[in-house]
N, C-alpha and C. Protein backbone atom coordinates (compact mmCIF):
# COMPACT_ATOMS: atom_id res chain seq x y z
N GLN A 1 -50.65 -41.78 29.00
CA GLN A 1 -50.64 -41.09 27.70
C GLN A 1 -49.99 -39.72 27.85
N PRO A 2 -48.72 -39.62 27.59
CA PRO A 2 -47.98 -38.35 27.73
C PRO A 2 -48.50 -37.28 26.79
N ILE A 3 -48.95 -37.69 25.60
CA ILE A 3 -49.45 -36.70 24.64
C ILE A 3 -50.64 -35.95 25.24
N ARG A 4 -51.52 -36.69 25.89
CA ARG A 4 -52.71 -36.05 26.46
C ARG A 4 -52.28 -35.07 27.56
N ASN A 5 -51.35 -35.49 28.39
CA ASN A 5 -50.90 -34.62 29.49
C ASN A 5 -50.22 -33.37 28.93
N ALA A 6 -49.39 -33.56 27.94
CA ALA A 6 -48.68 -32.42 27.35
C ALA A 6 -49.69 -31.43 26.77
N ARG A 7 -50.71 -31.94 26.09
CA ARG A 7 -51.71 -31.06 25.50
C ARG A 7 -52.43 -30.29 26.60
N LYS A 8 -52.80 -31.00 27.64
CA LYS A 8 -53.52 -30.35 28.75
C LYS A 8 -52.67 -29.23 29.36
N THR A 9 -51.41 -29.53 29.59
CA THR A 9 -50.53 -28.52 30.20
C THR A 9 -50.34 -27.35 29.24
N ALA A 10 -50.13 -27.64 27.97
CA ALA A 10 -49.92 -26.58 26.99
C ALA A 10 -51.15 -25.68 26.91
N ALA A 11 -52.32 -26.29 26.93
CA ALA A 11 -53.56 -25.51 26.85
C ALA A 11 -53.69 -24.60 28.07
N LEU A 12 -53.43 -25.17 29.25
CA LEU A 12 -53.57 -24.37 30.48
C LEU A 12 -52.53 -23.25 30.50
N LYS A 13 -51.31 -23.57 30.04
CA LYS A 13 -50.25 -22.54 30.05
C LYS A 13 -50.45 -21.56 28.90
N GLY A 14 -50.97 -22.05 27.78
CA GLY A 14 -51.16 -21.18 26.61
C GLY A 14 -52.12 -20.04 26.90
N CYS A 15 -53.24 -20.33 27.52
CA CYS A 15 -54.22 -19.27 27.81
C CYS A 15 -54.93 -19.58 29.11
N PRO A 16 -54.27 -19.28 30.23
CA PRO A 16 -54.87 -19.52 31.54
C PRO A 16 -56.09 -18.63 31.77
N GLN A 17 -56.14 -17.48 31.10
CA GLN A 17 -57.28 -16.57 31.27
C GLN A 17 -58.55 -17.20 30.71
N ARG A 18 -58.45 -17.84 29.54
CA ARG A 18 -59.66 -18.45 28.96
C ARG A 18 -59.58 -19.96 29.17
N ARG A 19 -59.74 -20.40 30.36
CA ARG A 19 -59.66 -21.85 30.63
C ARG A 19 -60.80 -22.56 29.92
N GLY A 20 -61.94 -21.94 29.81
CA GLY A 20 -63.09 -22.59 29.16
C GLY A 20 -62.77 -22.91 27.71
N THR A 21 -62.16 -21.95 27.00
CA THR A 21 -61.85 -22.18 25.59
C THR A 21 -60.75 -23.23 25.44
N CYS A 22 -59.74 -23.15 26.31
CA CYS A 22 -58.62 -24.10 26.21
C CYS A 22 -59.07 -25.50 26.63
N ALA A 23 -60.05 -25.57 27.50
CA ALA A 23 -60.50 -26.88 27.98
C ALA A 23 -60.99 -27.71 26.79
N ARG A 24 -61.46 -27.05 25.74
CA ARG A 24 -61.98 -27.81 24.59
C ARG A 24 -60.84 -28.44 23.79
N VAL A 25 -59.63 -27.95 23.95
CA VAL A 25 -58.50 -28.51 23.18
C VAL A 25 -58.37 -29.99 23.46
N TYR A 26 -58.37 -30.35 24.76
CA TYR A 26 -58.22 -31.77 25.07
C TYR A 26 -59.59 -32.34 25.35
């Protein structure tokens, strides 16, 4: 599922400082 991977990468790259908040995206 490329969409899931892209979202995960975007979330981690979007805000690496708040990994906890971005983790909820996916």
